[in-house]
Amino acid sequence: EREAVQKKTFTKWVNSHLAGVTCRVGDLYSDLRDGRNLLRLLEVLSGETLPKPTKGRMRIHCLENVDKALQFLKEQKVHLENMGSHDIVDGNHRLTLGLVWTIILRFQIQDISVETEDNKEKKSAKDALLLWCQMKTAGYPNVNVHNFTTSWRDGLAFNAIVHKHRPDLLDFESLKKYVNVDQPDEKSIITYVATYYHYFSKMKALAVEGKRIGKVLDHAMEAERLVEKYESLASELLQWIEQTIVTLNDRQLANSLSGVQNQLQSFNSYRTVEKPPKFTEKGNLEVLLFTIQSKLRANNQKVYTPREGRLISDINKVHSLPSVSRATHPQPQPLLSLPEPLSPLHPCPPTIPGQGRLQSQDLGKHLTGVEDLLQLHELVEADIAVQAERVRAVSASALRFCDPGK
């Protein structure tokens, strides 16, 4: 009876691995005799290319094929005690089961290891597998795994392992305890449990890899969103600069004092209300580009380079053209040529000591000089804001690199 249980278990195990190469065994004893399925099984398990099976159905051909499989196992440092190719070709039940069990031990169980808080004591693969079962079934009622025989009689331990990894597949609380097998076969239990171990370990690895891929995709989508935002903001800012240049260059001076005053008021509104936010936008655009490139570098992606005309240097070049500078000074000389009593720019006597010196030396004698100083001051303020934002972005990146968990 034990032999029949092992044959059934081992046959299922062999077919589970041969399914990937569209191959199947019906009878374990007879279908391994020619050595062909044995060679295919070892190729699947090892991932290596074995010698091609000898063509032919004669006994000598079968012996050669089985011998190739046994020779490969010896190269893998698998100990084959009192076993020869003729035993498998002759369909010896005990030795055929022994060969399959040896293969299971080598390729399914030998590399099993379990991470615990204290890994100082090195455990055998069998003990590591038992420890894994104990860890996965801890806390489940009526489940106490301490061996690979009697602990599995009622099947609750198997269901506990499945429920631990896939609680959606069964309702453990509704399961009842039944005693079906007096003394389960240890080799069969270990084979099933090892299969569970590898399956659920692979599932966990795939889940981790899926999360990693999802994180990379999220970063890529975020970077793409920021790039689109940069392109949009850069286009809007360039369009505003071009329209403003045209508007200011087309201005004609009024011939009356009230008209000139209205024009000055309009220009001052542009200079103090409309223009400063655009300087801030330009600074924010530079910070945004820096953020995009930092994110892409952190994820080992190709660094984004804005297309021609959308670079920060292009925007600075357009913004610093002489036409822009001239446009922001609406022909001030004719304003100064107005009669002094009518001109709002007529200097008043200084009322504070030193004020006259500041007016005549620091601020300049002409409207153009004053406006140049004002524009320079605005540029300096905008540049300070940009540098401050860049420092904050660099500091945030440094914190992320120092703490990978964030």
Protein backbone atom coordinates (compact mmCIF):
# COMPACT_ATOMS: atom_id res chain seq x y z
CA GLU A 1 0.00 0.00 0.00
CA ARG A 2 2.81 2.44 0.85
CA GLU A 3 4.42 1.71 -2.51
CA ALA A 4 1.13 2.44 -4.30
CA VAL A 5 0.81 5.78 -2.46
CA GLN A 6 4.35 6.76 -3.39
CA LYS A 7 3.83 5.76 -7.01
CA LYS A 8 0.70 7.90 -7.24
CA THR A 9 2.37 10.88 -5.56
CA PHE A 10 5.57 10.67 -7.58
CA THR A 11 3.67 10.26 -10.84
CA LYS A 12 1.74 13.48 -10.15
CA TRP A 13 4.96 15.26 -9.25
CA VAL A 14 6.72 14.12 -12.43
CA ASN A 15 3.77 15.13 -14.63
CA SER A 16 3.56 18.56 -12.98
CA HIS A 17 7.07 19.29 -14.26
CA LEU A 18 6.79 17.57 -17.64
CA ALA A 19 3.62 19.52 -18.43
CA GLY A 20 5.82 22.45 -19.48
CA VAL A 21 7.33 20.38 -22.30
CA THR A 22 3.99 18.80 -23.32
CA CYS A 23 4.99 15.41 -21.99
CA ARG A 24 3.27 13.02 -19.60
CA VAL A 25 3.79 9.66 -17.94
CA GLY A 26 0.94 7.26 -17.35
CA ASP A 27 2.72 4.47 -15.53
CA LEU A 28 5.79 5.56 -13.61
CA TYR A 29 7.53 2.21 -13.87
CA SER A 30 7.08 1.61 -17.60
CA ASP A 31 7.26 5.19 -18.91
CA LEU A 32 10.69 5.85 -17.41
CA ARG A 33 12.23 2.65 -18.75
CA ASP A 34 13.46 4.03 -22.09
CA GLY A 35 15.18 6.98 -20.36
CA ARG A 36 13.65 9.63 -22.64
CA ASN A 37 11.20 11.02 -20.07
CA LEU A 38 13.92 10.82 -17.45
CA LEU A 39 16.22 13.02 -19.54
CA ARG A 40 13.39 15.50 -20.20
CA LEU A 41 12.56 15.67 -16.49
CA LEU A 42 16.16 16.38 -15.50
CA GLU A 43 16.44 19.11 -18.17
CA VAL A 44 13.32 20.83 -16.83
CA LEU A 45 14.45 20.62 -13.21
CA SER A 46 18.07 21.64 -13.76
CA GLY A 47 17.60 24.12 -16.58
CA GLU A 48 20.58 22.55 -18.34
CA THR A 49 20.86 20.85 -21.71
CA LEU A 50 21.47 17.14 -21.41
CA PRO A 51 22.81 14.81 -24.13
CA LYS A 52 20.19 13.94 -26.73
CA PRO A 53 18.56 10.53 -26.21
CA THR A 54 19.76 7.70 -28.41
CA LYS A 55 17.29 6.82 -31.14
CA GLY A 56 15.84 3.34 -31.12
CA ARG A 57 13.65 1.16 -28.90
CA MET A 58 15.98 -1.73 -28.26
CA ARG A 59 17.19 -2.52 -24.76
CA ILE A 60 20.69 -1.27 -25.52
CA HIS A 61 19.25 2.12 -26.54
CA CYS A 62 17.18 2.33 -23.35
CA LEU A 63 20.23 1.47 -21.24
CA GLU A 64 22.25 4.22 -22.91
CA ASN A 65 19.56 6.83 -22.27
CA VAL A 66 19.10 5.89 -18.61
CA ASP A 67 22.85 5.80 -18.18
CA LYS A 68 23.06 9.40 -19.53
CA ALA A 69 20.52 10.47 -16.89
CA LEU A 70 22.34 8.67 -14.08
CA GLN A 71 25.67 10.12 -15.20
CA PHE A 72 24.21 13.63 -15.07
CA LEU A 73 22.97 13.00 -11.51
CA LYS A 74 26.44 11.86 -10.48
CA GLU A 75 27.87 15.08 -11.91
CA GLN A 76 25.37 16.93 -9.70
CA LYS A 77 26.89 15.08 -6.71
CA VAL A 78 23.77 12.96 -6.23
CA HIS A 79 24.56 9.70 -4.47
CA LEU A 80 23.00 6.68 -6.20
CA GLU A 81 23.41 3.68 -3.98
CA ASN A 82 23.21 0.21 -5.53
CA MET A 83 21.41 1.52 -8.59
CA GLY A 84 22.22 0.89 -12.23
CA SER A 85 20.63 1.70 -15.55
CA HIS A 86 19.44 -1.91 -15.92
CA ASP A 87 17.30 -1.55 -12.75
CA ILE A 88 15.28 1.28 -14.31
CA VAL A 89 15.08 -0.38 -17.73
CA ASP A 90 13.81 -3.57 -16.11
CA GLY A 91 11.10 -1.58 -14.28
CA ASN A 92 12.27 -2.39 -10.75
CA HIS A 93 9.54 -0.79 -8.62
CA ARG A 94 11.57 -0.13 -5.48
CA LEU A 95 14.59 1.31 -7.30
CA THR A 96 12.46 3.37 -9.70
CA LEU A 97 10.67 4.96 -6.74
CA GLY A 98 14.04 5.41 -5.06
CA LEU A 99 15.43 7.19 -8.13
CA VAL A 100 12.47 9.59 -8.33
CA TRP A 101 12.71 10.28 -4.59
CA THR A 102 16.43 11.03 -4.96
CA ILE A 103 15.62 13.48 -7.76
CA ILE A 104 12.97 15.13 -5.58
CA LEU A 105 15.43 15.51 -2.73
CA ARG A 106 18.06 17.05 -5.00
CA PHE A 107 15.96 19.46 -7.03
CA GLN A 108 12.96 20.21 -4.77
CA ILE A 109 14.14 19.96 -1.18
CA GLN A 110 17.90 20.38 -0.97
CA ASP A 111 17.84 24.16 -1.52
CA ILE A 112 14.98 24.91 0.90
CA SER A 113 15.92 27.41 3.60
CA VAL A 114 13.83 29.45 6.00
CA GLU A 115 14.66 32.92 7.31
CA THR A 116 14.16 33.32 11.05
CA GLU A 117 15.23 35.85 13.65
CA ASP A 118 18.06 33.55 14.70
CA ASN A 119 19.75 31.86 11.74
CA LYS A 120 22.88 30.84 13.64
CA GLU A 121 21.91 27.16 13.68
CA LYS A 122 22.04 25.67 10.21
CA LYS A 123 19.15 23.31 9.57
CA SER A 124 18.86 20.48 7.10
CA ALA A 125 16.49 20.96 4.18
CA LYS A 126 13.96 18.63 5.76
CA ASP A 127 14.08 20.48 9.09
CA ALA A 128 13.86 23.83 7.26
CA LEU A 129 10.76 22.61 5.41
CA LEU A 130 9.21 21.45 8.69
CA LEU A 131 9.98 24.83 10.27
CA TRP A 132 8.35 26.57 7.31
CA CYS A 133 5.21 24.49 7.83
CA GLN A 134 5.16 25.35 11.54
CA MET A 135 5.52 29.06 10.80
CA LYS A 136 2.72 29.03 8.22
CA THR A 137 0.27 27.00 10.33
CA ALA A 138 0.91 28.76 13.64
CA GLY A 139 -2.33 29.96 15.21
CA TYR A 140 -4.65 27.68 13.25
CA PRO A 141 -6.95 25.61 15.51
CA ASN A 142 -6.45 21.82 15.60
CA VAL A 143 -3.21 22.14 13.62
CA ASN A 144 0.04 21.10 15.28
CA VAL A 145 2.81 20.26 12.84
CA HIS A 146 5.75 18.44 14.39
CA ASN A 147 6.50 15.79 11.75
CA PHE A 148 5.69 14.74 8.19
CA THR A 149 3.48 11.81 9.13
CA THR A 150 0.81 11.94 11.84
CA SER A 151 0.58 15.75 11.83
CA TRP A 152 -1.01 15.53 8.39
CA ARG A 153 -3.55 12.74 8.97
CA ASP A 154 -6.68 14.88 8.89
CA GLY A 155 -5.59 17.24 6.09
CA LEU A 156 -6.09 20.39 8.17
CA ALA A 157 -2.39 21.24 7.98
CA PHE A 158 -2.52 21.28 4.18
CA ASN A 159 -5.60 23.51 4.25
CA ALA A 160 -3.95 25.82 6.78
CA ILE A 161 -0.96 26.34 4.45
CA VAL A 162 -3.27 27.06 1.51
CA HIS A 163 -5.43 29.42 3.59
CA LYS A 164 -2.35 31.25 4.88
CA HIS A 165 -1.33 32.20 1.35
CA ARG A 166 -4.71 32.26 -0.41
CA PRO A 167 -7.50 32.90 2.13
CA ASP A 168 -9.86 33.55 -0.76
CA LEU A 169 -9.79 29.88 -1.82
CA LEU A 170 -11.36 28.28 1.25
CA ASP A 171 -13.12 28.97 4.54
CA PHE A 172 -10.86 27.33 7.11
CA GLU A 173 -13.31 27.86 9.98
CA SER A 174 -15.89 25.68 8.26
CA LEU A 175 -13.53 22.70 7.85
CA LYS A 176 -14.06 19.69 10.09
CA LYS A 177 -11.46 17.37 11.50
CA TYR A 178 -11.52 13.90 10.01
CA VAL A 179 -9.08 11.04 10.54
CA ASN A 180 -8.57 9.38 7.17
CA VAL A 181 -5.08 7.89 7.29
CA ASP A 182 -3.54 6.07 10.24
CA GLN A 183 0.08 6.60 9.20
CA PRO A 184 0.62 8.88 6.18
CA ASP A 185 3.63 8.12 4.00
CA GLU A 186 6.41 10.54 4.91
CA LYS A 187 7.94 10.76 1.44
CA SER A 188 4.57 11.53 -0.13
CA ILE A 189 3.80 14.22 2.46
CA ILE A 190 7.21 15.83 1.99
CA THR A 191 6.73 15.80 -1.80
CA TYR A 192 3.37 17.58 -1.56
CA VAL A 193 4.59 20.08 1.05
CA ALA A 194 7.74 20.86 -0.97
CA THR A 195 5.53 21.52 -3.99
CA TYR A 196 3.45 23.94 -1.91
CA TYR A 197 6.61 25.61 -0.65
CA HIS A 198 7.98 26.27 -4.13
CA TYR A 199 4.63 27.35 -5.52
CA PHE A 200 3.89 29.87 -2.78
CA SER A 201 7.50 31.13 -2.72
CA LYS A 202 7.25 31.79 -6.45
CA MET A 203 3.89 33.50 -5.97
CA LYS A 204 5.42 35.77 -3.33
CA ALA A 205 8.37 36.59 -5.59
CA LEU A 206 5.98 37.43 -8.44
CA ALA A 207 3.94 39.65 -6.13
CA VAL A 208 7.05 41.51 -5.03
CA GLU A 209 8.18 41.87 -8.63
CA GLY A 210 4.71 43.07 -9.59
CA LYS A 211 4.82 45.76 -6.91
CA ARG A 212 8.28 46.80 -8.09
CA ILE A 213 7.09 47.06 -11.70
CA GLY A 214 4.00 48.94 -10.57
CA LYS A 215 6.17 51.41 -8.69
CA VAL A 216 8.36 51.95 -11.75
CA LEU A 217 5.26 52.52 -13.89
CA ASP A 218 3.89 54.98 -11.34
CA HIS A 219 7.16 56.93 -11.43
CA ALA A 220 7.14 56.89 -15.24
CA MET A 221 3.54 58.15 -15.38
CA GLU A 222 4.31 60.87 -12.83
CA ALA A 223 7.34 61.98 -14.83
CA GLU A 224 5.25 62.02 -18.01
CA ARG A 225 2.62 64.15 -16.27
CA LEU A 226 5.28 66.62 -15.11
CA VAL A 227 6.77 66.78 -18.60
CA GLU A 228 3.37 67.64 -20.05
CA LYS A 229 2.96 70.31 -17.39
CA TYR A 230 6.38 71.75 -18.22
CA GLU A 231 5.62 71.86 -21.94
CA SER A 232 2.30 73.58 -21.30
CA LEU A 233 3.72 76.19 -18.88
CA ALA A 234 6.71 76.90 -21.13
CA SER A 235 4.42 77.46 -24.13
CA GLU A 236 2.15 79.77 -22.15
CA LEU A 237 5.07 81.81 -20.81
CA LEU A 238 6.68 82.18 -24.25
CA GLN A 239 3.35 83.19 -25.73
CA TRP A 240 2.89 85.85 -23.03
CA ILE A 241 6.39 87.24 -23.65
CA GLU A 242 5.82 87.48 -27.40
CA GLN A 243 2.40 89.10 -27.00
CA THR A 244 3.72 91.57 -24.41
CA ILE A 245 6.59 92.62 -26.69
CA VAL A 246 4.16 93.31 -29.51
CA THR A 247 1.76 95.23 -27.23
CA LEU A 248 4.41 97.44 -25.65
CA ASN A 249 6.20 98.18 -28.93
CA ASP A 250 2.93 99.35 -30.52
CA ARG A 251 2.26 102.01 -27.87
CA GLN A 252 1.82 105.62 -29.08
CA LEU A 253 2.28 108.50 -26.64
CA ALA A 254 -0.75 110.63 -25.89
CA ASN A 255 -0.60 114.38 -26.57
CA SER A 256 -2.19 115.45 -23.28
CA LEU A 257 -1.07 115.29 -19.68
CA SER A 258 -4.04 113.13 -18.62
CA GLY A 259 -3.38 110.75 -21.48
CA VAL A 260 0.29 110.44 -20.56
CA GLN A 261 -0.64 109.90 -16.93
CA ASN A 262 -3.05 107.12 -17.93
CA GLN A 263 -0.33 105.50 -20.01
CA LEU A 264 2.14 105.74 -17.13
CA GLN A 265 -0.44 104.28 -14.78
CA SER A 266 -1.09 101.43 -17.21
CA PHE A 267 2.63 100.77 -17.60
CA ASN A 268 3.21 100.86 -13.82
CA SER A 269 0.37 98.36 -13.42
CA TYR A 270 2.06 96.07 -15.95
CA ARG A 271 5.41 96.47 -14.22
CA THR A 272 4.16 95.91 -10.65
CA VAL A 273 1.14 93.62 -11.11
CA GLU A 274 1.48 91.68 -14.36
CA LYS A 275 5.22 91.21 -14.78
CA PRO A 276 6.37 89.95 -11.33
CA PRO A 277 4.21 86.78 -11.40
CA LYS A 278 5.73 85.94 -14.79
CA PHE A 279 9.20 86.13 -13.27
CA THR A 280 7.96 83.72 -10.61
CA GLU A 281 6.54 81.43 -13.30
CA LYS A 282 9.90 81.35 -15.03
CA GLY A 283 11.55 80.38 -11.75
CA ASN A 284 8.94 77.69 -11.09
CA LEU A 285 9.51 76.36 -14.59
CA GLU A 286 13.22 75.97 -13.88
CA VAL A 287 12.48 74.17 -10.61
CA LEU A 288 9.99 71.88 -12.39
CA LEU A 289 12.57 70.89 -14.99
CA PHE A 290 15.08 70.17 -12.23
CA THR A 291 12.50 68.00 -10.42
CA ILE A 292 11.71 66.03 -13.61
CA GLN A 293 15.35 65.32 -14.33
CA SER A 294 16.03 64.33 -10.70
CA LYS A 295 13.13 61.85 -10.70
CA LEU A 296 14.24 60.30 -13.99
CA ARG A 297 17.84 59.95 -12.82
CA ALA A 298 16.72 58.37 -9.53
CA ASN A 299 14.84 55.70 -11.51
CA ASN A 300 17.66 55.15 -14.04
CA GLN A 301 15.54 56.53 -16.88
CA LYS A 302 16.60 58.66 -19.80
CA VAL A 303 16.84 62.31 -18.75
CA TYR A 304 14.20 64.54 -20.33
CA THR A 305 15.44 67.32 -22.60
CA PRO A 306 12.84 69.90 -23.69
CA ARG A 307 12.41 70.27 -27.42
CA GLU A 308 13.92 73.15 -29.35
CA GLY A 309 12.58 76.48 -28.15
CA ARG A 310 11.31 75.14 -24.81
CA LEU A 311 14.62 75.02 -22.95
CA ILE A 312 15.12 77.33 -19.97
CA SER A 313 18.03 78.88 -21.88
CA ASP A 314 15.68 79.58 -24.82
CA ILE A 315 13.17 81.28 -22.53
CA ASN A 316 15.91 83.35 -20.91
CA LYS A 317 17.23 84.29 -24.35
CA VAL A 318 13.80 85.47 -25.52
CA HIS A 319 13.19 87.30 -22.27
CA SER A 320 16.52 89.12 -22.45
CA LEU A 321 16.28 90.30 -26.09
CA PRO A 322 16.85 94.03 -26.60
CA SER A 323 13.33 94.35 -27.96
CA VAL A 324 11.97 93.20 -24.60
CA SER A 325 14.07 95.72 -22.74
CA ARG A 326 13.01 98.47 -25.07
CA ALA A 327 9.41 97.36 -24.92
CA THR A 328 9.33 97.69 -21.17
CA HIS A 329 10.29 101.39 -21.48
CA PRO A 330 7.40 103.12 -23.30
CA GLN A 331 9.43 105.85 -24.95
CA PRO A 332 10.21 107.78 -21.75
CA GLN A 333 12.25 110.61 -23.31
CA PRO A 334 9.21 112.37 -24.83
CA LEU A 335 7.55 112.22 -21.44
CA LEU A 336 10.48 114.02 -19.88
CA SER A 337 10.35 116.68 -22.58
CA LEU A 338 6.95 117.89 -21.34
CA PRO A 339 6.92 121.31 -19.62
CA GLU A 340 8.17 120.95 -16.07
CA PRO A 341 4.99 122.26 -14.37
CA LEU A 342 2.98 119.61 -16.22
CA SER A 343 5.40 116.76 -15.76
CA PRO A 344 4.71 114.39 -12.81
CA LEU A 345 8.39 113.43 -12.98
CA HIS A 346 9.56 116.95 -11.99
CA PRO A 347 11.92 116.48 -9.02
CA CYS A 348 10.82 117.95 -5.71
CA PRO A 349 13.19 119.60 -3.25
CA PRO A 350 14.62 117.09 -0.83
CA THR A 351 12.88 116.99 2.53
CA ILE A 352 15.11 114.37 4.15
CA PRO A 353 18.88 114.81 4.52
CA GLY A 354 20.65 112.76 1.87
CA GLN A 355 17.45 112.21 -0.12
CA GLY A 356 18.65 114.44 -2.92
CA ARG A 357 21.89 112.50 -3.13
CA LEU A 358 19.95 109.23 -3.45
CA GLN A 359 17.66 110.65 -6.10
CA SER A 360 20.46 112.11 -8.15
CA GLN A 361 23.06 109.36 -7.78
CA ASP A 362 21.52 106.04 -6.69
CA LEU A 363 18.28 106.17 -8.66
CA GLY A 364 19.51 108.06 -11.72
CA LYS A 365 18.35 111.28 -13.33
CA HIS A 366 16.15 109.81 -16.05
CA LEU A 367 13.07 107.63 -16.10
CA THR A 368 14.94 104.99 -18.10
CA GLY A 369 17.59 104.68 -15.39
CA VAL A 370 14.99 104.35 -12.66
CA GLU A 371 13.08 101.71 -14.60
CA ASP A 372 16.30 99.83 -15.33
CA LEU A 373 17.08 99.73 -11.61
CA LEU A 374 13.54 98.62 -10.81
CA GLN A 375 13.73 95.87 -13.41
CA LEU A 376 17.13 94.78 -12.07
CA HIS A 377 15.68 94.68 -8.57
CA GLU A 378 12.78 92.53 -9.75
CA LEU A 379 15.18 90.19 -11.54
CA VAL A 380 17.29 89.80 -8.41
CA GLU A 381 14.21 89.08 -6.29
CA ALA A 382 12.95 86.50 -8.82
CA ASP A 383 16.37 84.86 -9.01
CA ILE A 384 16.52 84.64 -5.21
CA ALA A 385 13.11 82.92 -5.20
CA VAL A 386 14.26 80.47 -7.88
CA GLN A 387 17.45 79.62 -6.02
CA ALA A 388 15.53 79.15 -2.77
CA GLU A 389 13.08 76.78 -4.47
CA ARG A 390 15.96 74.87 -6.05
CA VAL A 391 17.65 74.50 -2.65
CA ARG A 392 14.39 73.13 -1.22
CA ALA A 393 14.10 70.63 -4.10
CA VAL A 394 17.70 69.48 -3.65
CA SER A 395 17.16 69.11 0.10
CA ALA A 396 14.04 67.00 -0.49
CA SER A 397 15.92 64.77 -2.95
CA ALA A 398 18.79 64.38 -0.48
CA LEU A 399 16.36 63.30 2.23
CA ARG A 400 14.83 60.68 -0.08
CA PHE A 401 18.25 59.30 -0.97
CA CYS A 402 19.29 59.19 2.70
CA ASP A 403 16.06 57.39 3.66
CA PRO A 404 15.21 54.85 0.88
CA GLY A 405 12.00 53.87 2.67
CA LYS A 406 10.36 57.18 1.83
